[in-house]
């Protein structure tokens, strides 16, 4: 069975996901076959595996860092919030049903066996499993039903490294407080502390580290600096939404919907020199972008009502009326159509008029579409006519189907082994597609940005295609390098090798 190491955090956004990704990369570089694992993830950024199953993108990122194919075994339970009190529950990559928090807690006892089965299958195949916790492991009102943190550490017999975020302040109090709220057997599972996102002089911090170790009787395994890397992060707490970068030669505005999903679709565009991607949630902040991007969402109809009520819809319509481009992906594509119908109450229920910028009608069905696809743009009109004939690949995750009543079909797509079908629409400078990742292919992003550059009178000769796979690998290597330099690697490997001597029985709660 595989060795294990688990990263827990004193709070959400302590950096668990990135530290876990960095360790996956380090172990891979050192010759081990390594896999990530998170028992339960709550996220709207998801991914479709080659088997057509759905999982959280954080574990996909960690699998990429580990150099292995993503598998739903790495994230057996995914919760996708549909509103403030309910989530779509996905087990082993397939939709179980929508549940309220109380309903889910009642069902959770039935799901822990699925978690154990997934972990055991991974542990038979890999040398090392890097586990990630969720939120804080010391939420005393939730611990009884928590299957992601200490319960999982016990199940996997995984030593725990507890990470605290010093950038937000209060790191010593959060670490000491977390340790105090642990049961004695839980404290025994913690083998080291990580201070994350540090900026400054380590010699000034050292007296605090010495006192911390004396108080909690645990070594500090590393002080990880604040690293500016372009790596996919958890959707709810991403720093991308709050960045205030100076606007570059090309200004792209992504509408930050309340239930925004899969905004990783725009990372390839953001990676290109001279391009600024801004996330906008108010009409006053929209400005005059060169391209408006409407992303996916877990609740298309509710989010359409939101942009209608806060004035963003009228701004989008004015932008389009002026001949400036709009591109919608998945839920954003559905919003651009004429009508949205939800006869089964899958999202919002009832019927709603869309923006009317594309001639499509969307009907929400009870069965979810989940598939990987390859595609080719057909005859594209408008500013992005250069996309004509360009190939792409990606994946679909959506509940609705859109009928293409008229207009210019954007692309043909095909699932592996199946006949090609039509996807998306294009009318003038308005574009829509169901395919997530459509900009990731080198030729697509380059063509889009080149067209926007030329439209503003700039030369596009310096616009280079981005090889996203190579770009991501460079980021993972930089992450691993930063952790190696600032982690006690000898201690880390000792912790992994020794494991934990937890003799408690695994129980189905």
Protein backbone atom coordinates (compact mmCIF):
# COMPACT_ATOMS: atom_id res chain seq x y z
CA UNK A 1 0.00 0.00 0.00
CA UNK A 2 1.09 3.54 -0.71
CA UNK A 3 2.75 5.82 1.78
CA UNK A 4 0.67 8.90 2.59
CA UNK A 5 1.08 12.54 3.59
CA UNK A 6 -1.80 14.93 4.27
CA UNK A 7 -1.98 18.72 4.05
CA UNK A 8 -4.53 20.35 6.31
CA UNK A 9 -5.01 24.07 6.89
CA UNK A 10 -6.05 26.25 9.77
CA UNK A 11 -8.63 27.90 7.50
CA UNK A 12 -9.87 28.05 3.95
CA UNK A 13 -7.36 29.52 1.50
CA UNK A 14 -4.38 28.65 3.68
CA UNK A 15 -2.76 27.23 0.54
CA UNK A 16 -3.52 23.51 0.96
CA UNK A 17 -4.24 22.88 -2.72
CA UNK A 18 -1.04 24.49 -3.99
CA UNK A 19 1.16 22.89 -1.33
CA UNK A 20 -0.34 19.51 -2.21
CA UNK A 21 0.29 20.18 -5.91
CA UNK A 22 3.87 21.16 -5.12
CA UNK A 23 4.47 17.98 -3.15
CA UNK A 24 2.98 15.93 -5.99
CA UNK A 25 5.49 17.54 -8.34
CA UNK A 26 8.42 17.03 -5.95
CA UNK A 27 7.67 13.34 -5.42
CA UNK A 28 7.28 12.88 -9.19
CA UNK A 29 10.65 14.58 -9.78
CA UNK A 30 12.18 12.26 -7.18
CA UNK A 31 11.02 9.18 -9.06
CA UNK A 32 7.85 8.19 -7.19
CA UNK A 33 4.48 7.37 -8.70
CA UNK A 34 2.26 9.81 -6.84
CA UNK A 35 -1.44 10.66 -6.82
CA UNK A 36 -3.53 13.35 -5.10
CA UNK A 37 -6.66 12.63 -3.06
CA UNK A 38 -9.44 14.72 -1.55
CA UNK A 39 -12.38 12.82 -0.13
CA UNK A 40 -14.90 15.59 -0.66
CA UNK A 41 -14.53 18.80 -2.60
CA UNK A 42 -16.98 21.70 -2.83
CA UNK A 43 -16.31 23.59 -6.04
CA UNK A 44 -17.89 24.84 -9.23
CA UNK A 45 -14.69 24.44 -11.24
CA UNK A 46 -14.92 20.88 -12.47
CA UNK A 47 -13.44 18.67 -15.17
CA UNK A 48 -14.48 15.71 -17.30
CA UNK A 49 -12.16 12.71 -17.30
CA UNK A 50 -11.50 10.58 -20.37
CA UNK A 51 -14.21 8.19 -19.09
CA UNK A 52 -16.76 11.03 -19.13
CA UNK A 53 -16.86 11.40 -15.33
CA UNK A 54 -16.82 14.68 -13.37
CA UNK A 55 -14.32 15.71 -10.69
CA UNK A 56 -12.98 18.87 -9.02
CA UNK A 57 -10.33 20.85 -10.87
CA UNK A 58 -8.07 21.17 -7.81
CA UNK A 59 -7.31 17.44 -7.96
CA UNK A 60 -6.91 17.67 -11.75
CA UNK A 61 -4.24 20.34 -11.18
CA UNK A 62 -2.51 18.11 -8.63
CA UNK A 63 -2.70 15.12 -11.00
CA UNK A 64 -1.12 17.24 -13.75
CA UNK A 65 1.64 18.22 -11.33
CA UNK A 66 2.13 14.53 -10.54
CA UNK A 67 2.24 13.67 -14.24
CA UNK A 68 -0.67 11.21 -14.04
CA UNK A 69 -4.09 10.99 -15.68
CA UNK A 70 -6.86 12.55 -13.56
CA UNK A 71 -9.29 10.01 -12.10
CA UNK A 72 -12.48 10.41 -10.08
CA UNK A 73 -10.85 8.10 -7.52
CA UNK A 74 -8.83 11.19 -6.56
CA UNK A 75 -12.03 13.10 -5.70
CA UNK A 76 -14.85 10.62 -5.02
CA UNK A 77 -17.34 13.23 -3.74
CA UNK A 78 -17.86 16.59 -5.45
CA UNK A 79 -20.42 19.11 -4.22
CA UNK A 80 -21.47 21.81 -6.69
CA UNK A 81 -23.54 24.53 -4.97
CA UNK A 82 -26.75 25.38 -6.83
CA UNK A 83 -27.77 28.09 -4.34
CA UNK A 84 -26.89 29.20 -0.81
CA UNK A 85 -28.38 26.11 0.85
CA UNK A 86 -28.24 23.25 -1.68
CA UNK A 87 -25.70 21.45 -3.82
CA UNK A 88 -25.61 18.95 -6.63
CA UNK A 89 -23.98 15.84 -5.13
CA UNK A 90 -21.64 13.99 -7.50
CA UNK A 91 -20.33 10.59 -6.40
CA UNK A 92 -17.58 8.83 -8.34
CA UNK A 93 -18.08 11.26 -11.19
CA UNK A 94 -21.85 10.85 -11.62
CA UNK A 95 -24.72 12.98 -10.37
CA UNK A 96 -26.49 11.48 -7.36
CA UNK A 97 -29.07 14.25 -6.79
CA UNK A 98 -29.49 17.80 -5.52
CA UNK A 99 -29.54 17.98 -1.72
CA UNK A 100 -29.81 20.55 1.02
CA UNK A 101 -27.02 20.61 3.60
CA UNK A 102 -29.19 18.70 6.10
CA UNK A 103 -30.11 16.07 3.51
CA UNK A 104 -26.47 15.62 2.59
CA UNK A 105 -25.42 15.15 6.21
CA UNK A 106 -28.04 12.40 6.51
CA UNK A 107 -26.69 10.67 3.39
CA UNK A 108 -23.02 11.14 4.24
CA UNK A 109 -22.92 7.97 6.35
CA UNK A 110 -23.79 6.00 3.22
CA UNK A 111 -20.98 7.63 1.22
CA UNK A 112 -17.92 7.07 3.41
CA UNK A 113 -17.60 3.51 2.13
CA UNK A 114 -17.28 4.99 -1.40
CA UNK A 115 -14.47 7.21 -0.11
CA UNK A 116 -12.64 4.28 1.47
CA UNK A 117 -13.01 2.18 -1.68
CA UNK A 118 -11.63 4.99 -3.87
CA UNK A 119 -8.67 5.60 -1.57
CA UNK A 120 -7.82 1.91 -1.29
CA UNK A 121 -7.81 1.51 -5.07
CA UNK A 122 -5.39 4.44 -5.42
CA UNK A 123 -3.19 3.15 -2.61
CA UNK A 124 -2.78 -0.18 -4.42
CA UNK A 125 -1.53 1.56 -7.57
CA UNK A 126 0.70 4.41 -6.34
CA UNK A 127 3.82 4.81 -4.19
CA UNK A 128 2.71 7.98 -2.39
CA UNK A 129 -0.72 9.59 -1.93
CA UNK A 130 -0.83 13.32 -1.17
CA UNK A 131 -4.10 13.98 0.65
CA UNK A 132 -5.72 17.39 1.00
CA UNK A 133 -8.09 18.47 3.73
CA UNK A 134 -10.87 21.04 3.45
CA UNK A 135 -11.48 24.32 5.25
CA UNK A 136 -10.50 24.03 8.90
CA UNK A 137 -10.22 20.60 10.58
CA UNK A 138 -11.16 22.16 13.94
CA UNK A 139 -14.71 23.37 13.24
CA UNK A 140 -16.16 21.89 16.41
CA UNK A 141 -19.77 22.13 15.20
CA UNK A 142 -18.94 20.11 12.06
CA UNK A 143 -16.31 17.62 13.24
CA UNK A 144 -18.80 14.86 13.98
CA UNK A 145 -19.68 14.60 10.28
CA UNK A 146 -16.32 15.67 8.80
CA UNK A 147 -14.98 12.99 6.48
CA UNK A 148 -12.34 15.14 4.74
CA UNK A 149 -9.86 16.08 7.47
CA UNK A 150 -8.86 14.05 10.53
CA UNK A 151 -11.29 11.24 9.78
CA UNK A 152 -9.54 10.76 6.44
CA UNK A 153 -6.10 11.04 8.04
CA UNK A 154 -7.02 8.20 10.40
CA UNK A 155 -8.46 6.11 7.59
CA UNK A 156 -5.35 6.54 5.43
CA UNK A 157 -2.96 6.44 8.42
CA UNK A 158 -1.57 9.65 6.97
CA UNK A 159 0.77 11.97 8.91
CA UNK A 160 -0.51 15.53 8.76
CA UNK A 161 1.28 18.78 7.97
CA UNK A 162 -0.79 21.71 9.25
CA UNK A 163 -0.51 24.87 7.13
CA UNK A 164 -1.24 28.42 8.25
CA UNK A 165 -1.48 31.56 6.10
CA UNK A 166 0.79 34.25 7.53
CA UNK A 167 -0.12 36.76 4.82
CA UNK A 168 -3.57 37.29 6.33
CA UNK A 169 -2.25 37.73 9.87
CA UNK A 170 -2.84 35.77 13.07
CA UNK A 171 -0.97 32.70 11.92
CA UNK A 172 0.44 31.74 15.34
CA UNK A 173 -2.93 32.07 17.08
CA UNK A 174 -4.66 30.08 14.32
CA UNK A 175 -2.15 27.23 14.55
CA UNK A 176 -2.16 27.09 18.36
CA UNK A 177 -5.97 27.37 18.45
CA UNK A 178 -6.38 24.60 15.89
CA UNK A 179 -4.06 22.30 17.84
CA UNK A 180 -5.92 23.04 21.08
CA UNK A 181 -9.26 22.06 19.50
CA UNK A 182 -7.91 18.71 18.31
CA UNK A 183 -8.50 15.56 20.31
CA UNK A 184 -5.26 14.05 21.71
CA UNK A 185 -5.16 11.34 19.02
CA UNK A 186 -5.62 14.03 16.35
CA UNK A 187 -2.72 16.05 17.72
CA UNK A 188 -0.58 12.93 17.50
CA UNK A 189 -1.30 12.75 13.76
CA UNK A 190 0.16 16.24 13.20
CA UNK A 191 3.87 15.79 12.49
CA UNK A 192 4.83 19.29 11.40
CA UNK A 193 3.75 22.85 10.72
CA UNK A 194 3.98 24.86 7.49
CA UNK A 195 3.94 28.66 7.53
CA UNK A 196 2.65 29.64 4.11
CA UNK A 197 2.70 32.83 2.00
CA UNK A 198 5.55 34.47 3.92
CA UNK A 199 7.01 37.81 2.77
CA UNK A 200 9.89 39.33 4.67
CA UNK A 201 13.02 38.57 6.64
CA UNK A 202 13.05 35.03 8.03
CA UNK A 203 15.41 36.02 10.85
CA UNK A 204 12.69 38.32 12.24
CA UNK A 205 10.17 35.48 12.11
CA UNK A 206 12.47 32.86 13.68
CA UNK A 207 11.84 33.74 17.38
CA UNK A 208 8.13 33.27 16.77
CA UNK A 209 8.76 29.89 15.14
CA UNK A 210 10.83 28.78 18.12
CA UNK A 211 8.09 29.81 20.54
CA UNK A 212 5.44 28.11 18.42
CA UNK A 213 7.32 24.80 18.46
CA UNK A 214 7.75 25.07 22.22
CA UNK A 215 4.02 25.67 22.73
CA UNK A 216 2.61 22.94 20.48
CA UNK A 217 5.60 20.53 20.59
CA UNK A 218 5.68 20.17 16.81
CA UNK A 219 8.49 21.13 14.42
CA UNK A 220 8.14 23.79 11.74
CA UNK A 221 8.64 21.82 8.54
CA UNK A 222 8.84 24.84 6.28
CA UNK A 223 8.24 28.54 5.73
CA UNK A 224 6.95 28.83 2.17
CA UNK A 225 7.28 32.23 0.53
CA UNK A 226 4.46 34.03 -1.23
CA UNK A 227 4.86 32.81 -4.81
CA UNK A 228 3.23 34.52 -7.78
CA UNK A 229 2.46 31.56 -10.00
CA UNK A 230 -0.21 30.96 -12.60
CA UNK A 231 -1.75 27.74 -11.32
CA UNK A 232 -5.43 26.86 -11.16
CA UNK A 233 -6.80 27.50 -7.68
CA UNK A 234 -10.01 26.92 -5.76
CA UNK A 235 -12.84 28.84 -7.38
CA UNK A 236 -14.45 30.40 -4.31
CA UNK A 237 -11.28 32.05 -2.99
CA UNK A 238 -9.20 32.71 -6.08
CA UNK A 239 -7.15 35.90 -6.13
CA UNK A 240 -7.97 36.29 -9.84
CA UNK A 241 -11.31 37.85 -8.91
CA UNK A 242 -9.76 40.67 -6.86
CA UNK A 243 -6.67 41.54 -8.88
CA UNK A 244 -6.41 45.19 -9.92
CA UNK A 245 -3.86 44.92 -12.70
CA UNK A 246 -3.06 47.79 -15.00
CA UNK A 247 -4.99 47.32 -18.24
CA UNK A 248 -2.79 46.05 -21.06
CA UNK A 249 -3.02 46.45 -24.81
CA UNK A 250 -6.03 44.13 -24.86
CA UNK A 251 -8.71 44.36 -22.16
CA UNK A 252 -10.93 41.30 -21.58
CA UNK A 253 -13.82 41.48 -19.11
CA UNK A 254 -15.22 38.25 -17.64
CA UNK A 255 -18.63 38.69 -16.02
CA UNK A 256 -18.18 37.39 -12.48
CA UNK A 257 -21.46 35.57 -12.03
CA UNK A 258 -22.57 34.62 -8.49
CA UNK A 259 -22.29 30.91 -9.36
CA UNK A 260 -19.43 31.22 -11.85
CA UNK A 261 -17.91 27.90 -12.87
CA UNK A 262 -14.92 26.81 -14.91
CA UNK A 263 -13.37 30.26 -15.22
CA UNK A 264 -10.18 28.35 -15.98
CA UNK A 265 -11.50 28.58 -19.56
CA UNK A 266 -9.84 32.00 -19.77
CA UNK A 267 -6.43 31.18 -18.30
CA UNK A 268 -4.89 30.69 -21.74
CA UNK A 269 -5.94 34.20 -22.77
CA UNK A 270 -4.70 35.66 -19.46
CA UNK A 271 -1.30 34.02 -20.01
CA UNK A 272 -0.59 35.97 -23.19
CA UNK A 273 1.64 39.08 -23.05
CA UNK A 274 -0.19 42.39 -23.26
CA UNK A 275 -3.55 40.87 -22.26
CA UNK A 276 -5.48 41.80 -19.13
CA UNK A 277 -8.35 39.63 -17.91
CA UNK A 278 -10.63 41.38 -15.41
CA UNK A 279 -13.48 39.79 -13.43
CA UNK A 280 -16.36 42.26 -13.24
CA UNK A 281 -19.47 42.06 -11.05
CA UNK A 282 -20.94 45.55 -11.45
CA UNK A 283 -21.92 47.81 -14.33
CA UNK A 284 -19.73 50.59 -12.95
CA UNK A 285 -16.59 48.44 -13.21
CA UNK A 286 -17.17 47.12 -16.72
CA UNK A 287 -15.63 50.06 -18.56
CA UNK A 288 -15.10 49.59 -22.29
CA UNK A 289 -13.42 46.20 -22.76
CA UNK A 290 -12.31 44.85 -26.12
CA UNK A 291 -14.13 41.57 -25.47
CA UNK A 292 -16.80 40.54 -22.96
CA UNK A 293 -16.65 36.91 -21.86
CA UNK A 294 -19.68 35.23 -20.29
CA UNK A 295 -18.50 32.16 -18.33
CA UNK A 296 -20.21 28.99 -17.23
CA UNK A 297 -22.47 28.94 -14.19
CA UNK A 298 -24.16 26.33 -12.00
CA UNK A 299 -27.47 28.20 -12.27
CA UNK A 300 -27.88 29.94 -15.62
CA UNK A 301 -31.36 31.35 -15.06
CA UNK A 302 -30.71 32.76 -11.58
CA UNK A 303 -27.44 34.34 -12.72
CA UNK A 304 -29.13 35.80 -15.79
CA UNK A 305 -31.67 37.46 -13.48
CA UNK A 306 -28.77 38.77 -11.40
CA UNK A 307 -27.03 40.50 -14.35
CA UNK A 308 -30.43 41.78 -15.48
CA UNK A 309 -31.13 43.34 -12.11
CA UNK A 310 -27.70 44.92 -11.54
CA UNK A 311 -27.48 46.60 -14.94
CA UNK A 312 -24.79 44.41 -16.50
CA UNK A 313 -27.14 42.97 -19.09
CA UNK A 314 -27.90 46.39 -20.56
CA UNK A 315 -24.15 47.09 -20.71
CA UNK A 316 -23.56 43.82 -22.57
CA UNK A 317 -26.36 44.61 -25.02
CA UNK A 318 -24.93 48.10 -25.68
CA UNK A 319 -21.47 46.59 -26.16
CA UNK A 320 -22.85 44.12 -28.72
CA UNK A 321 -24.95 46.80 -30.45
CA UNK A 322 -21.75 48.80 -30.97
CA UNK A 323 -20.31 45.82 -32.88
CA UNK A 324 -17.89 44.82 -30.13
CA UNK A 325 -17.42 41.09 -29.52
CA UNK A 326 -19.12 38.94 -26.88
CA UNK A 327 -18.22 35.28 -26.31
CA UNK A 328 -20.27 32.99 -24.08
CA UNK A 329 -19.20 29.55 -22.82
CA UNK A 330 -21.73 26.96 -21.59
CA UNK A 331 -24.12 28.84 -19.27
CA UNK A 332 -22.89 32.11 -20.76
CA UNK A 333 -23.80 30.77 -24.21
CA UNK A 334 -27.27 29.82 -22.96
CA UNK A 335 -27.83 33.36 -21.63
CA UNK A 336 -27.08 34.84 -25.06
CA UNK A 337 -29.99 32.95 -26.64
CA UNK A 338 -33.66 33.87 -27.06
CA UNK A 339 -35.34 31.68 -24.43
CA UNK A 340 -34.44 29.45 -21.48
CA UNK A 341 -36.94 26.80 -20.34
CA UNK A 342 -36.72 24.70 -17.17
CA UNK A 343 -39.81 22.42 -17.18
CA UNK A 344 -38.37 19.99 -14.61
CA UNK A 345 -37.12 22.58 -12.10
CA UNK A 346 -33.52 21.48 -12.69
CA UNK A 347 -32.12 24.98 -11.97
CA UNK A 348 -34.69 27.70 -11.44
CA UNK A 349 -37.92 26.45 -12.94
CA UNK A 350 -40.23 28.14 -15.42
CA UNK A 351 -39.30 30.07 -18.53
CA UNK A 352 -37.10 33.14 -18.99
CA UNK A 353 -36.21 35.36 -21.92
CA UNK A 354 -32.53 35.38 -22.79
CA UNK A 355 -30.52 38.32 -24.08
CA UNK A 356 -31.59 37.58 -27.65
CA UNK A 357 -28.12 38.01 -29.13
CA UNK A 358 -28.11 34.47 -30.54
CA UNK A 359 -31.06 32.59 -32.14
CA UNK A 360 -31.15 29.61 -29.78
CA UNK A 361 -33.64 28.12 -27.32
CA UNK A 362 -32.31 26.20 -24.30
CA UNK A 363 -34.30 23.54 -22.47
CA UNK A 364 -32.88 22.23 -19.19
CA UNK A 365 -33.03 18.45 -18.98
CA UNK A 366 -32.73 16.16 -15.97
CA UNK A 367 -29.74 14.30 -17.41
CA UNK A 368 -26.34 16.01 -17.42
CA UNK A 369 -24.11 16.06 -20.50
CA UNK A 370 -20.54 15.06 -19.57
CA UNK A 371 -18.08 14.38 -22.33
CA UNK A 372 -14.66 15.15 -23.79
CA UNK A 373 -14.72 16.43 -27.37
CA UNK A 374 -12.53 17.50 -30.25
CA UNK A 375 -13.77 20.09 -32.71
CA UNK A 376 -13.16 22.42 -35.61
CA UNK A 377 -14.53 25.90 -36.21
CA UNK A 378 -16.75 26.17 -39.25
CA UNK A 379 -17.07 29.37 -41.34
CA UNK A 380 -16.77 32.02 -38.62
CA UNK A 381 -18.16 35.52 -39.12
CA UNK A 382 -17.09 38.81 -37.62
CA UNK A 383 -13.91 39.87 -35.87
CA UNK A 384 -12.84 36.28 -35.15
CA UNK A 385 -13.23 35.03 -38.75
CA UNK A 386 -9.61 33.86 -38.54
CA UNK A 387 -10.85 30.95 -36.40
CA UNK A 388 -12.36 29.34 -39.50
CA UNK A 389 -10.96 25.83 -39.84
CA UNK A 390 -8.99 25.97 -36.56
CA UNK A 391 -9.04 22.79 -34.45
CA UNK A 392 -9.65 22.67 -30.70
CA UNK A 393 -10.45 20.23 -27.92
CA UNK A 394 -12.21 20.47 -24.57
CA UNK A 395 -15.10 19.08 -22.59
CA UNK A 396 -18.81 19.66 -21.98
CA UNK A 397 -20.61 19.82 -18.61
CA UNK A 398 -24.19 21.09 -18.79
CA UNK A 399 -27.80 20.22 -17.97
CA UNK A 400 -29.44 22.07 -20.87
CA UNK A 401 -29.59 21.46 -24.60
CA UNK A 402 -29.79 24.35 -27.06
CA UNK A 403 -31.68 24.10 -30.35
CA UNK A 404 -30.03 25.97 -33.18
CA UNK A 405 -33.07 27.48 -34.90
CA UNK A 406 -31.13 29.54 -37.42
CA UNK A 407 -27.92 31.49 -37.75
CA UNK A 408 -24.32 30.51 -38.31
CA UNK A 409 -23.20 27.33 -36.54
CA UNK A 410 -19.89 28.00 -34.80
CA UNK A 411 -18.25 24.58 -34.91
CA UNK A 412 -18.55 20.85 -35.39
CA UNK A 413 -17.51 18.65 -32.46
CA UNK A 414 -17.18 14.93 -31.88
CA UNK A 415 -16.89 12.60 -28.94
CA UNK A 416 -14.38 9.77 -29.30
CA UNK A 417 -15.78 7.12 -31.59
CA UNK A 418 -18.94 9.06 -32.40
CA UNK A 419 -20.22 11.00 -35.37
CA UNK A 420 -19.59 14.76 -35.43
CA UNK A 421 -22.39 17.11 -34.39
CA UNK A 422 -22.94 20.86 -34.43
CA UNK A 423 -22.11 23.11 -31.47
CA UNK A 424 -22.53 26.77 -30.79
CA UNK A 425 -23.67 29.79 -32.75
CA UNK A 426 -22.14 32.89 -34.24
CA UNK A 427 -24.06 35.97 -35.28
CA UNK A 428 -21.92 38.94 -36.27
CA UNK A 429 -19.51 39.50 -33.39
CA UNK A 430 -21.46 37.39 -30.89
CA UNK A 431 -20.24 33.85 -30.28
CA UNK A 432 -21.38 30.97 -28.07
CA UNK A 433 -20.17 27.43 -27.42
CA UNK A 434 -20.72 24.64 -24.90
CA UNK A 435 -17.06 23.60 -25.00
CA UNK A 436 -14.97 24.35 -21.92
CA UNK A 437 -11.27 24.75 -22.72
CA UNK A 438 -11.98 26.01 -26.23
CA UNK A 439 -9.28 28.71 -25.89
CA UNK A 440 -6.59 26.30 -24.64
CA UNK A 441 -5.39 25.22 -28.08
CA UNK A 442 -2.46 27.35 -29.25
CA UNK A 443 -4.12 28.51 -32.47
CA UNK A 444 -7.38 29.59 -30.86
CA UNK A 445 -5.99 31.97 -28.22
CA UNK A 446 -3.49 33.44 -30.69
CA UNK A 447 -6.17 34.08 -33.31
CA UNK A 448 -8.51 35.75 -30.82
CA UNK A 449 -5.86 38.06 -29.37
CA UNK A 450 -4.38 38.86 -32.80
CA UNK A 451 -7.81 39.92 -34.04
CA UNK A 452 -8.36 42.18 -31.03
CA UNK A 453 -4.89 43.71 -31.46
CA UNK A 454 -5.50 44.48 -35.13
CA UNK A 455 -8.92 45.91 -34.34
CA UNK A 456 -7.24 48.47 -32.06
CA UNK A 457 -4.61 49.37 -34.63
CA UNK A 458 -1.78 47.47 -32.94
CA UNK A 459 0.56 45.09 -34.70
CA UNK A 460 -0.02 41.44 -33.92
CA UNK A 461 3.47 40.33 -35.00
CA UNK A 462 4.54 39.72 -31.41
CA UNK A 463 1.46 37.66 -30.48
CA UNK A 464 2.79 34.17 -29.87
CA UNK A 465 0.84 30.98 -29.51
CA UNK A 466 0.80 29.57 -25.99
CA UNK A 467 1.50 25.87 -25.45
CA UNK A 468 -0.66 25.52 -22.35
CA UNK A 469 0.70 22.09 -21.41
CA UNK A 470 4.31 23.33 -21.47
CA UNK A 471 3.28 26.56 -19.73
CA UNK A 472 1.58 24.67 -16.91
CA UNK A 473 4.55 22.35 -16.50
CA UNK A 474 6.86 25.34 -16.05
CA UNK A 475 4.56 26.67 -13.33
CA UNK A 476 4.52 23.30 -11.53
CA UNK A 477 8.32 23.15 -11.66
CA UNK A 478 8.58 26.66 -10.21
CA UNK A 479 6.16 25.69 -7.44
CA UNK A 480 8.19 22.59 -6.60
CA UNK A 481 11.42 24.59 -6.62
CA UNK A 482 9.96 27.17 -4.21
CA UNK A 483 8.80 24.48 -1.79
CA UNK A 484 12.05 22.49 -1.97
CA UNK A 485 14.14 25.55 -1.11
CA UNK A 486 12.00 26.42 1.90
CA UNK A 487 10.93 23.04 3.26
CA UNK A 488 12.98 20.74 5.47
CA UNK A 489 13.07 17.98 2.86
CA UNK A 490 14.88 15.53 5.16
CA UNK A 491 12.13 15.95 7.75
CA UNK A 492 9.43 15.65 5.07
CA UNK A 493 10.73 12.30 3.84
CA UNK A 494 11.19 11.05 7.41
CA UNK A 495 7.54 11.89 8.11
CA UNK A 496 6.40 10.10 4.95
CA UNK A 497 8.53 7.02 5.64
CA UNK A 498 7.55 6.71 9.30
CA UNK A 499 3.85 7.25 8.68
CA UNK A 500 1.65 7.08 11.78
CA UNK A 501 0.91 4.30 14.20
CA UNK A 502 -2.84 4.88 14.40
CA UNK A 503 -4.50 1.71 15.68
CA UNK A 504 -8.10 2.94 15.80
CA UNK A 505 -10.72 1.06 13.80
CA UNK A 506 -12.26 2.46 10.64
CA UNK A 507 -15.99 2.88 11.16
CA UNK A 508 -18.86 3.69 8.84
CA UNK A 509 -20.48 6.66 10.51
